[in-house]
Amino acid sequence: MRRWWVALLVCGLVACSSGKSCVPEPKADLRGCDFRQAKLADANLADANLADANLADANLADANLADANLAGANLAGANLYNANLADADLAGADLAGANFTGADLSGANLYDANLRGADLSGAILYDANLAGANLLRAILYNANLTGGNFRTANLRGAFLAGANLTGADLKDANLAGAYLRGADLEDANLRGANLRTADLTDADLTDADICAVDFTDATLAEANFNGANCDGVGYNP
């Protein structure tokens, strides 16, 4: 019997036996369980307690993890393609290298989470909390980050082409070397952000707060700064 099947039994999820598929249950208490490399595609783990669980390299494609508690969990390298993580708690979780392509993380709490090298292409992070998160070299191509909280987040070298950051809070965020071509930063709070060497070609910064932003060596070709200001004072790059 595979290790993760044993974990399902020990953690009281459901009965399963060798050669048969195990069906997870919503609202299950799976704190600290070991699900490394588990095959949980399409699983319904809504409202489940997976705090500090080990889901490294697990397959959770299309899984329902809405409102789940994944605080401190290890999801490094996990496949969460098209998964539902709306309003999930992922504070302090290790999500390095995970695949969140097309996933719904709207309203999710990713405070201080490690998303280094994670792929969030096309993901929905509307109103998500990523304050203090590590998104070093993360891929957020065409992601919906509207209203997201990225205060003090590390987005150094992140790929944000076409991302929607309308109304996002990026105060004191590190975006050095980030690729923001065609990104929508309308009404975003960029106060104190580090955008050194960032590529903002064709980006829209309409009405953005750009007080104390470091644009040193940034590429600003065709960027729209209409209405961008610092305490009401307009900006003309």
C-alpha atoms as a PDB file:
ATOM      1  CA  MET A   1       0.000   0.000   0.000  1.00  0.00           C
ATOM      2  CA  ARG A   2       1.368   3.382  -0.917  1.00  0.00           C
ATOM      3  CA  ARG A   3       2.416   5.784   1.819  1.00  0.00           C
ATOM      4  CA  TRP A   4      -0.331   8.332   1.068  1.00  0.00           C
ATOM      5  CA  TRP A   5      -3.034   5.652   1.130  1.00  0.00           C
ATOM      6  CA  VAL A   6      -1.820   4.748   4.606  1.00  0.00           C
ATOM      7  CA  ALA A   7      -2.054   8.421   5.537  1.00  0.00           C
ATOM      8  CA  LEU A   8      -5.670   8.464   4.402  1.00  0.00           C
ATOM      9  CA  LEU A   9      -6.455   5.606   6.738  1.00  0.00           C
ATOM     10  CA  VAL A  10      -4.442   6.845   9.710  1.00  0.00           C
ATOM     11  CA  CYS A  11      -5.854  10.348   9.404  1.00  0.00           C
ATOM     12  CA  GLY A  12      -9.413   9.043   9.304  1.00  0.00           C
ATOM     13  CA  LEU A  13     -10.293  10.331   5.854  1.00  0.00           C
ATOM     14  CA  VAL A  14     -12.045   7.276   4.405  1.00  0.00           C
ATOM     15  CA  ALA A  15     -11.442   3.557   4.183  1.00  0.00           C
ATOM     16  CA  CYS A  16      -9.472   2.480   1.140  1.00  0.00           C
ATOM     17  CA  SER A  17      -7.466  -0.537   0.168  1.00  0.00           C
ATOM     18  CA  SER A  18      -4.647  -1.399  -2.174  1.00  0.00           C
ATOM     19  CA  GLY A  19      -5.702  -1.211  -5.786  1.00  0.00           C
ATOM     20  CA  LYS A  20      -8.761   0.905  -5.050  1.00  0.00           C
ATOM     21  CA  SER A  21      -9.140   4.648  -5.257  1.00  0.00           C
ATOM     22  CA  CYS A  22      -9.600   6.642  -2.072  1.00  0.00           C
ATOM     23  CA  VAL A  23     -12.306   9.280  -1.970  1.00  0.00           C
ATOM     24  CA  PRO A  24     -11.476  12.268   0.255  1.00  0.00           C
ATOM     25  CA  GLU A  25     -14.163  13.923   2.297  1.00  0.00           C
ATOM     26  CA  PRO A  26     -14.821  17.635   2.790  1.00  0.00           C
ATOM     27  CA  LYS A  27     -14.284  19.138   6.257  1.00  0.00           C
ATOM     28  CA  ALA A  28     -11.828  16.364   7.119  1.00  0.00           C
ATOM     29  CA  ASP A  29      -9.284  16.911   9.904  1.00  0.00           C
ATOM     30  CA  LEU A  30      -5.958  16.122   8.229  1.00  0.00           C
ATOM     31  CA  ARG A  31      -3.590  18.257  10.245  1.00  0.00           C
ATOM     32  CA  GLY A  32       0.049  17.254   9.794  1.00  0.00           C
ATOM     33  CA  CYS A  33      -0.755  14.289   7.545  1.00  0.00           C
ATOM     34  CA  ASP A  34       1.731  13.023   4.970  1.00  0.00           C
ATOM     35  CA  PHE A  35       0.342  13.194   1.432  1.00  0.00           C
ATOM     36  CA  ARG A  36       3.586  13.491  -0.488  1.00  0.00           C
ATOM     37  CA  GLN A  37       3.017  12.629  -4.171  1.00  0.00           C
ATOM     38  CA  ALA A  38      -0.611  11.787  -3.428  1.00  0.00           C
ATOM     39  CA  LYS A  39      -3.020  11.458  -6.353  1.00  0.00           C
ATOM     40  CA  LEU A  40      -5.880  13.702  -5.298  1.00  0.00           C
ATOM     41  CA  ALA A  41      -7.022  15.172  -8.598  1.00  0.00           C
ATOM     42  CA  ASP A  42     -10.691  16.258  -8.460  1.00  0.00           C
ATOM     43  CA  ALA A  43     -10.750  15.633  -4.689  1.00  0.00           C
ATOM     44  CA  ASN A  44     -13.298  17.500  -2.591  1.00  0.00           C
ATOM     45  CA  LEU A  45     -11.386  18.888   0.374  1.00  0.00           C
ATOM     46  CA  ALA A  46     -13.498  21.977   0.907  1.00  0.00           C
ATOM     47  CA  ASP A  47     -13.232  23.262   4.500  1.00  0.00           C
ATOM     48  CA  ALA A  48     -10.673  20.549   5.287  1.00  0.00           C
ATOM     49  CA  ASN A  49      -8.038  21.173   7.945  1.00  0.00           C
ATOM     50  CA  LEU A  50      -4.689  20.491   6.272  1.00  0.00           C
ATOM     51  CA  ALA A  51      -2.598  22.769   8.468  1.00  0.00           C
ATOM     52  CA  ASP A  52       1.067  21.681   8.446  1.00  0.00           C
ATOM     53  CA  ALA A  53       0.242  18.765   6.131  1.00  0.00           C
ATOM     54  CA  ASN A  54       2.866  17.535   3.670  1.00  0.00           C
ATOM     55  CA  LEU A  55       1.466  17.682   0.127  1.00  0.00           C
ATOM     56  CA  ALA A  56       4.777  18.102  -1.662  1.00  0.00           C
ATOM     57  CA  ASP A  57       4.565  16.998  -5.312  1.00  0.00           C
ATOM     58  CA  ALA A  58       0.938  15.944  -4.828  1.00  0.00           C
ATOM     59  CA  ASN A  59      -1.501  16.036  -7.753  1.00  0.00           C
ATOM     60  CA  LEU A  60      -4.427  18.253  -6.748  1.00  0.00           C
ATOM     61  CA  ALA A  61      -5.486  19.289 -10.241  1.00  0.00           C
ATOM     62  CA  ASP A  62      -9.123  20.428 -10.316  1.00  0.00           C
ATOM     63  CA  ALA A  63      -9.415  19.742  -6.572  1.00  0.00           C
ATOM     64  CA  ASN A  64     -11.847  21.698  -4.413  1.00  0.00           C
ATOM     65  CA  LEU A  65      -9.938  23.275  -1.506  1.00  0.00           C
ATOM     66  CA  ALA A  66     -12.244  26.229  -0.981  1.00  0.00           C
ATOM     67  CA  ASP A  67     -12.066  27.543   2.602  1.00  0.00           C
ATOM     68  CA  ALA A  68      -9.501  24.852   3.468  1.00  0.00           C
ATOM     69  CA  ASN A  69      -6.904  25.483   6.175  1.00  0.00           C
ATOM     70  CA  LEU A  70      -3.483  24.934   4.590  1.00  0.00           C
ATOM     71  CA  ALA A  71      -1.542  27.217   6.919  1.00  0.00           C
ATOM     72  CA  GLY A  72       2.058  26.068   7.169  1.00  0.00           C
ATOM     73  CA  ALA A  73       1.451  23.204   4.739  1.00  0.00           C
ATOM     74  CA  ASN A  74       4.133  21.943   2.356  1.00  0.00           C
ATOM     75  CA  LEU A  75       2.859  22.097  -1.237  1.00  0.00           C
ATOM     76  CA  ALA A  76       6.229  22.508  -2.904  1.00  0.00           C
ATOM     77  CA  GLY A  77       6.085  21.198  -6.454  1.00  0.00           C
ATOM     78  CA  ALA A  78       2.405  20.294  -6.146  1.00  0.00           C
ATOM     79  CA  ASN A  79       0.072  20.380  -9.141  1.00  0.00           C
ATOM     80  CA  LEU A  80      -2.929  22.595  -8.376  1.00  0.00           C
ATOM     81  CA  TYR A  81      -3.928  23.214 -11.971  1.00  0.00           C
ATOM     82  CA  ASN A  82      -7.419  24.719 -12.101  1.00  0.00           C
ATOM     83  CA  ALA A  83      -7.938  23.995  -8.398  1.00  0.00           C
ATOM     84  CA  ASN A  84     -10.449  25.924  -6.291  1.00  0.00           C
ATOM     85  CA  LEU A  85      -8.669  27.560  -3.348  1.00  0.00           C
ATOM     86  CA  ALA A  86     -11.073  30.454  -2.882  1.00  0.00           C
ATOM     87  CA  ASP A  87     -10.819  31.874   0.666  1.00  0.00           C
ATOM     88  CA  ALA A  88      -8.322  29.159   1.636  1.00  0.00           C
ATOM     89  CA  ASP A  89      -5.754  29.874   4.357  1.00  0.00           C
ATOM     90  CA  LEU A  90      -2.238  29.328   2.998  1.00  0.00           C
ATOM     91  CA  ALA A  91      -0.407  31.594   5.429  1.00  0.00           C
ATOM     92  CA  GLY A  92       3.223  30.561   5.768  1.00  0.00           C
ATOM     93  CA  ALA A  93       2.760  27.631   3.368  1.00  0.00           C
ATOM     94  CA  ASP A  94       5.620  26.372   1.187  1.00  0.00           C
ATOM     95  CA  LEU A  95       4.335  26.641  -2.396  1.00  0.00           C
ATOM     96  CA  ALA A  96       7.700  26.821  -4.135  1.00  0.00           C
ATOM     97  CA  GLY A  97       7.544  25.589  -7.715  1.00  0.00           C
ATOM     98  CA  ALA A  98       3.864  24.673  -7.432  1.00  0.00           C
ATOM     99  CA  ASN A  99       1.588  24.803 -10.470  1.00  0.00           C
ATOM    100  CA  PHE A 100      -1.403  27.083  -9.884  1.00  0.00           C
ATOM    101  CA  THR A 101      -2.217  27.635 -13.558  1.00  0.00           C
ATOM    102  CA  GLY A 102      -5.862  28.674 -13.859  1.00  0.00           C
ATOM    103  CA  ALA A 103      -6.467  28.166 -10.124  1.00  0.00           C
ATOM    104  CA  ASP A 104      -8.975  30.239  -8.155  1.00  0.00           C
ATOM    105  CA  LEU A 105      -7.268  31.841  -5.145  1.00  0.00           C
ATOM    106  CA  SER A 106      -9.696  34.720  -4.775  1.00  0.00           C
ATOM    107  CA  GLY A 107      -9.809  35.945  -1.194  1.00  0.00           C
ATOM    108  CA  ALA A 108      -7.121  33.450  -0.178  1.00  0.00           C
ATOM    109  CA  ASN A 109      -4.684  34.238   2.629  1.00  0.00           C
ATOM    110  CA  LEU A 110      -1.114  33.749   1.387  1.00  0.00           C
ATOM    111  CA  TYR A 111       0.538  35.954   3.991  1.00  0.00           C
ATOM    112  CA  ASP A 112       4.254  35.179   4.231  1.00  0.00           C
ATOM    113  CA  ALA A 113       3.848  32.168   1.905  1.00  0.00           C
ATOM    114  CA  ASN A 114       6.754  30.894  -0.202  1.00  0.00           C
ATOM    115  CA  LEU A 115       5.755  31.029  -3.884  1.00  0.00           C
ATOM    116  CA  ARG A 116       9.266  31.111  -5.266  1.00  0.00           C
ATOM    117  CA  GLY A 117       9.209  29.943  -8.880  1.00  0.00           C
ATOM    118  CA  ALA A 118       5.511  29.033  -8.708  1.00  0.00           C
ATOM    119  CA  ASP A 119       3.408  29.182 -11.880  1.00  0.00           C
ATOM    120  CA  LEU A 120       0.237  31.235 -11.400  1.00  0.00           C
ATOM    121  CA  SER A 121      -0.477  31.898 -15.079  1.00  0.00           C
ATOM    122  CA  GLY A 122      -4.111  32.839 -15.547  1.00  0.00           C
ATOM    123  CA  ALA A 123      -4.816  32.336 -11.846  1.00  0.00           C
ATOM    124  CA  ILE A 124      -7.451  34.394 -10.023  1.00  0.00           C
ATOM    125  CA  LEU A 125      -6.124  36.130  -6.900  1.00  0.00           C
ATOM    126  CA  TYR A 126      -8.816  38.762  -6.596  1.00  0.00           C
ATOM    127  CA  ASP A 127      -8.572  40.381  -3.135  1.00  0.00           C
ATOM    128  CA  ALA A 128      -6.004  37.791  -2.052  1.00  0.00           C
ATOM    129  CA  ASN A 129      -3.565  38.589   0.758  1.00  0.00           C
ATOM    130  CA  LEU A 130       0.060  38.095  -0.320  1.00  0.00           C
ATOM    131  CA  ALA A 131       1.632  40.551   2.103  1.00  0.00           C
ATOM    132  CA  GLY A 132       5.198  39.509   2.849  1.00  0.00           C
ATOM    133  CA  ALA A 133       4.996  36.580   0.411  1.00  0.00           C
ATOM    134  CA  ASN A 134       8.046  35.404  -1.526  1.00  0.00           C
ATOM    135  CA  LEU A 135       7.227  35.441  -5.260  1.00  0.00           C
ATOM    136  CA  LEU A 136      10.803  35.469  -6.471  1.00  0.00           C
ATOM    137  CA  ARG A 137      10.767  34.629 -10.191  1.00  0.00           C
ATOM    138  CA  ALA A 138       7.145  33.498  -9.968  1.00  0.00           C
ATOM    139  CA  ILE A 139       5.097  33.398 -13.172  1.00  0.00           C
ATOM    140  CA  LEU A 140       1.894  35.444 -13.013  1.00  0.00           C
ATOM    141  CA  TYR A 141       1.223  35.796 -16.724  1.00  0.00           C
ATOM    142  CA  ASN A 142      -2.297  37.166 -17.319  1.00  0.00           C
ATOM    143  CA  ALA A 143      -3.170  36.570 -13.670  1.00  0.00           C
ATOM    144  CA  ASN A 144      -6.060  38.478 -12.076  1.00  0.00           C
ATOM    145  CA  LEU A 145      -4.511  40.212  -9.063  1.00  0.00           C
ATOM    146  CA  THR A 146      -7.171  42.892  -8.735  1.00  0.00           C
ATOM    147  CA  GLY A 147      -7.272  44.402  -5.250  1.00  0.00           C
ATOM    148  CA  GLY A 148      -4.584  42.045  -3.985  1.00  0.00           C
ATOM    149  CA  ASN A 149      -2.402  42.908  -0.988  1.00  0.00           C
ATOM    150  CA  PHE A 150       1.284  42.608  -1.935  1.00  0.00           C
ATOM    151  CA  ARG A 151       2.728  44.875   0.750  1.00  0.00           C
ATOM    152  CA  THR A 152       6.451  44.141   1.267  1.00  0.00           C
ATOM    153  CA  ALA A 153       6.127  41.080  -1.011  1.00  0.00           C
ATOM    154  CA  ASN A 154       9.202  39.892  -2.912  1.00  0.00           C
ATOM    155  CA  LEU A 155       8.344  39.933  -6.630  1.00  0.00           C
ATOM    156  CA  ARG A 156      11.909  40.258  -7.793  1.00  0.00           C
ATOM    157  CA  GLY A 157      12.243  38.916 -11.329  1.00  0.00           C
ATOM    158  CA  ALA A 158       8.573  37.888 -11.410  1.00  0.00           C
ATOM    159  CA  PHE A 159       6.848  37.508 -14.793  1.00  0.00           C
ATOM    160  CA  LEU A 160       3.718  39.683 -14.688  1.00  0.00           C
ATOM    161  CA  ALA A 161       3.088  40.338 -18.378  1.00  0.00           C
ATOM    162  CA  GLY A 162      -0.591  41.112 -18.945  1.00  0.00           C
ATOM    163  CA  ALA A 163      -1.405  40.773 -15.253  1.00  0.00           C
ATOM    164  CA  ASN A 164      -4.333  42.739 -13.846  1.00  0.00           C
ATOM    165  CA  LEU A 165      -3.141  44.621 -10.765  1.00  0.00           C
ATOM    166  CA  THR A 166      -5.938  47.189 -10.732  1.00  0.00           C
ATOM    167  CA  GLY A 167      -6.245  48.620  -7.226  1.00  0.00           C
ATOM    168  CA  ALA A 168      -3.558  46.295  -5.888  1.00  0.00           C
ATOM    169  CA  ASP A 169      -1.533  47.338  -2.848  1.00  0.00           C
ATOM    170  CA  LEU A 170       2.171  47.026  -3.687  1.00  0.00           C
ATOM    171  CA  LYS A 171       3.479  49.386  -1.017  1.00  0.00           C
ATOM    172  CA  ASP A 172       7.155  48.697  -0.329  1.00  0.00           C
ATOM    173  CA  ALA A 173       7.080  45.617  -2.589  1.00  0.00           C
ATOM    174  CA  ASN A 174      10.266  44.498  -4.322  1.00  0.00           C
ATOM    175  CA  LEU A 175       9.624  44.365  -8.083  1.00  0.00           C
ATOM    176  CA  ALA A 176      13.227  44.779  -9.174  1.00  0.00           C
ATOM    177  CA  GLY A 177      13.738  43.176 -12.560  1.00  0.00           C
ATOM    178  CA  ALA A 178      10.070  42.216 -12.819  1.00  0.00           C
ATOM    179  CA  TYR A 179       8.534  41.841 -16.277  1.00  0.00           C
ATOM    180  CA  LEU A 180       5.354  43.936 -16.321  1.00  0.00           C
ATOM    181  CA  ARG A 181       4.802  44.431 -20.041  1.00  0.00           C
ATOM    182  CA  GLY A 182       1.163  45.288 -20.674  1.00  0.00           C
ATOM    183  CA  ALA A 183       0.274  44.947 -16.995  1.00  0.00           C
ATOM    184  CA  ASP A 184      -2.682  46.920 -15.644  1.00  0.00           C
ATOM    185  CA  LEU A 185      -1.627  48.914 -12.565  1.00  0.00           C
ATOM    186  CA  GLU A 186      -4.461  51.400 -12.651  1.00  0.00           C
ATOM    187  CA  ASP A 187      -5.166  52.840  -9.191  1.00  0.00           C
ATOM    188  CA  ALA A 188      -2.463  50.623  -7.704  1.00  0.00           C
ATOM    189  CA  ASN A 189      -0.555  51.678  -4.595  1.00  0.00           C
ATOM    190  CA  LEU A 190       3.129  51.534  -5.546  1.00  0.00           C
ATOM    191  CA  ARG A 191       4.347  53.814  -2.777  1.00  0.00           C
ATOM    192  CA  GLY A 192       7.935  52.953  -1.883  1.00  0.00           C
ATOM    193  CA  ALA A 193       8.078  50.030  -4.317  1.00  0.00           C
ATOM    194  CA  ASN A 194      11.367  48.945  -5.888  1.00  0.00           C
ATOM    195  CA  LEU A 195      11.020  48.832  -9.694  1.00  0.00           C
ATOM    196  CA  ARG A 196      14.705  49.051 -10.551  1.00  0.00           C
ATOM    197  CA  THR A 197      15.399  47.508 -13.990  1.00  0.00           C
ATOM    198  CA  ALA A 198      11.737  46.426 -14.268  1.00  0.00           C
ATOM    199  CA  ASP A 199      10.134  46.305 -17.720  1.00  0.00           C
ATOM    200  CA  LEU A 200       6.922  48.373 -17.733  1.00  0.00           C
ATOM    201  CA  THR A 201       6.560  48.667 -21.494  1.00  0.00           C
ATOM    202  CA  ASP A 202       2.904  49.380 -22.369  1.00  0.00           C
ATOM    203  CA  ALA A 203       1.909  49.110 -18.699  1.00  0.00           C
ATOM    204  CA  ASP A 204      -1.043  51.174 -17.480  1.00  0.00           C
ATOM    205  CA  LEU A 205      -0.311  53.180 -14.317  1.00  0.00           C
ATOM    206  CA  THR A 206      -3.314  55.474 -14.585  1.00  0.00           C
ATOM    207  CA  ASP A 207      -4.015  57.144 -11.213  1.00  0.00           C
ATOM    208  CA  ALA A 208      -1.399  54.983  -9.494  1.00  0.00           C
ATOM    209  CA  ASP A 209       0.300  56.195  -6.295  1.00  0.00           C
ATOM    210  CA  ILE A 210       3.999  56.306  -7.178  1.00  0.00           C
ATOM    211  CA  CYS A 211       5.438  58.163  -4.200  1.00  0.00           C
ATOM    212  CA  ALA A 212       9.077  57.205  -3.552  1.00  0.00           C
ATOM    213  CA  VAL A 213       9.047  54.513  -6.265  1.00  0.00           C
ATOM    214  CA  ASP A 214      12.511  53.560  -7.509  1.00  0.00           C
ATOM    215  CA  PHE A 215      12.347  53.538 -11.325  1.00  0.00           C
ATOM    216  CA  THR A 216      16.132  53.421 -11.769  1.00  0.00           C
ATOM    217  CA  ASP A 217      16.982  51.839 -15.155  1.00  0.00           C
ATOM    218  CA  ALA A 218      13.371  50.705 -15.582  1.00  0.00           C
ATOM    219  CA  THR A 219      11.960  50.411 -19.114  1.00  0.00           C
ATOM    220  CA  LEU A 220       8.980  52.769 -19.362  1.00  0.00           C
ATOM    221  CA  ALA A 221       8.409  52.856 -23.135  1.00  0.00           C
ATOM    222  CA  GLU A 222       4.752  53.524 -23.988  1.00  0.00           C
ATOM    223  CA  ALA A 223       3.751  53.184 -20.328  1.00  0.00           C
ATOM    224  CA  ASN A 224       0.657  55.200 -19.398  1.00  0.00           C
ATOM    225  CA  PHE A 225       1.202  57.503 -16.398  1.00  0.00           C
ATOM    226  CA  ASN A 226      -1.972  59.522 -16.926  1.00  0.00           C
ATOM    227  CA  GLY A 227      -3.109  60.691 -13.490  1.00  0.00           C
ATOM    228  CA  ALA A 228      -0.264  58.888 -11.719  1.00  0.00           C
ATOM    229  CA  ASN A 229       0.767  60.998  -8.766  1.00  0.00           C
ATOM    230  CA  CYS A 230       2.462  61.435  -5.418  1.00  0.00           C
ATOM    231  CA  ASP A 231       0.175  63.046  -2.876  1.00  0.00           C
ATOM    232  CA  GLY A 232      -1.711  64.760  -5.664  1.00  0.00           C
ATOM    233  CA  VAL A 233       1.383  65.909  -7.552  1.00  0.00           C
ATOM    234  CA  GLY A 234       1.423  64.567 -11.105  1.00  0.00           C
ATOM    235  CA  TYR A 235       4.247  62.458 -12.516  1.00  0.00           C
ATOM    236  CA  ASN A 236       5.849  62.944 -15.916  1.00  0.00           C
ATOM    237  CA  PRO A 237       8.529  60.338 -16.682  1.00  0.00           C
END
